[in-house]
């Protein structure tokens, strides 16, 4: 069983960023308004990824994360259930995903 998640990442505080009362940070990047949360690390902001990531446990018990390369959840859920993972020496491991 797998799940779809959006990954959070921490970035340096952008130049010209404005910090709101509730810890919301807003700034302009390439002409678009971006928002994030003030990080607990000074001088950094936490932002959520735009794209969905498939997260699952492989047959070896290792947690795997594969980008779906889409920003629409319904499209990410309809992706084919077979995902090829890079294996050793050019081989690939195929796993079946079922999203909750």
Protein backbone atom coordinates (compact mmCIF):
# COMPACT_ATOMS: atom_id res chain seq x y z
CA UNK A 1 0.00 0.00 0.00
CA UNK A 2 1.36 3.39 -0.90
CA UNK A 3 0.30 6.97 -0.39
CA UNK A 4 0.53 10.31 -2.15
CA UNK A 5 2.31 13.08 -0.29
CA UNK A 6 3.64 16.58 -0.87
CA UNK A 7 7.18 17.03 0.41
CA UNK A 8 8.13 20.00 2.61
CA UNK A 9 11.55 21.59 2.11
CA UNK A 10 13.45 24.42 3.79
CA UNK A 11 14.88 27.28 1.71
CA UNK A 12 16.90 30.39 2.53
CA UNK A 13 14.72 33.42 3.23
CA UNK A 14 14.08 35.07 -0.17
CA UNK A 15 15.05 38.71 -0.67
CA UNK A 16 12.08 41.03 -0.21
CA UNK A 17 10.03 38.43 1.70
CA UNK A 18 7.29 39.73 3.99
CA UNK A 19 6.52 37.93 7.26
CA UNK A 20 2.90 37.97 8.43
CA UNK A 21 1.60 37.84 12.01
CA UNK A 22 0.91 34.11 11.97
CA UNK A 23 4.35 33.13 10.60
CA UNK A 24 3.29 33.13 6.94
CA UNK A 25 6.02 34.31 4.57
CA UNK A 26 5.14 35.76 1.14
CA UNK A 27 7.45 36.81 -1.69
CA UNK A 28 7.61 37.15 -5.47
CA UNK A 29 9.54 34.58 -7.53
CA UNK A 30 9.62 34.95 -11.33
CA UNK A 31 6.62 37.26 -11.14
CA UNK A 32 4.48 34.80 -9.14
CA UNK A 33 3.41 35.16 -5.53
CA UNK A 34 4.83 32.37 -3.35
CA UNK A 35 3.97 31.53 0.25
CA UNK A 36 5.57 29.44 2.98
CA UNK A 37 5.87 29.11 6.73
CA UNK A 38 8.55 30.67 8.88
CA UNK A 39 11.03 27.92 9.76
CA UNK A 40 12.34 27.19 13.25
CA UNK A 41 15.81 27.66 11.72
CA UNK A 42 16.62 31.41 11.66
CA UNK A 43 16.75 32.97 8.20
CA UNK A 44 14.90 30.11 6.47
CA UNK A 45 11.39 29.46 5.18
CA UNK A 46 9.57 26.11 4.83
CA UNK A 47 7.66 25.52 1.58
CA UNK A 48 5.54 22.67 0.29
CA UNK A 49 6.34 21.07 -3.07
CA UNK A 50 3.92 21.71 -5.93
CA UNK A 51 4.15 18.14 -7.25
CA UNK A 52 2.79 14.94 -5.70
CA UNK A 53 5.16 12.16 -4.61
CA UNK A 54 4.29 8.45 -4.39
CA UNK A 55 5.60 6.95 -1.14
CA UNK A 56 5.70 3.19 -0.53
CA UNK A 57 7.74 0.40 1.04
CA UNK A 58 9.55 -1.93 -1.39
CA UNK A 59 9.96 -5.70 -0.99
CA UNK A 60 13.18 -5.16 1.02
CA UNK A 61 11.33 -3.04 3.59
CA UNK A 62 12.95 0.20 2.42
CA UNK A 63 10.81 3.35 2.13
CA UNK A 64 10.79 4.64 -1.47
CA UNK A 65 9.64 8.00 -2.82
CA UNK A 66 9.04 8.57 -6.53
CA UNK A 67 7.91 11.89 -8.03
CA UNK A 68 4.67 11.69 -10.01
CA UNK A 69 5.67 14.88 -11.88
CA UNK A 70 2.12 16.23 -11.66
CA UNK A 71 0.48 18.89 -9.51
CA UNK A 72 -3.03 17.40 -9.76
CA UNK A 73 -3.82 14.70 -7.18
CA UNK A 74 -6.52 13.00 -9.26
CA UNK A 75 -4.03 12.62 -12.14
CA UNK A 76 -1.35 11.27 -9.78
CA UNK A 77 -3.81 8.67 -8.45
CA UNK A 78 -4.61 7.49 -11.97
CA UNK A 79 -0.99 6.93 -12.95
CA UNK A 80 -0.29 3.35 -13.92
CA UNK A 81 0.15 1.03 -10.94
CA UNK A 82 3.52 -0.14 -12.23
CA UNK A 83 6.55 2.01 -11.43
CA UNK A 84 10.03 0.96 -12.49
CA UNK A 85 12.67 1.56 -9.85
CA UNK A 86 16.35 1.66 -10.71
CA UNK A 87 17.90 -1.65 -9.63
CA UNK A 88 21.43 -2.97 -9.60
CA UNK A 89 23.44 -3.38 -12.81
CA UNK A 90 20.74 -1.89 -15.06
CA UNK A 91 17.95 -4.17 -13.79
CA UNK A 92 14.67 -2.73 -12.64
CA UNK A 93 12.29 -3.65 -9.85
CA UNK A 94 8.60 -3.40 -10.61
CA UNK A 95 6.15 -2.77 -7.81
CA UNK A 96 2.39 -2.32 -7.73
CA UNK A 97 1.03 0.77 -5.99
CA UNK A 98 -2.41 1.18 -4.49
CA UNK A 99 -3.24 4.64 -3.16
CA UNK A 100 -5.51 5.24 -0.20
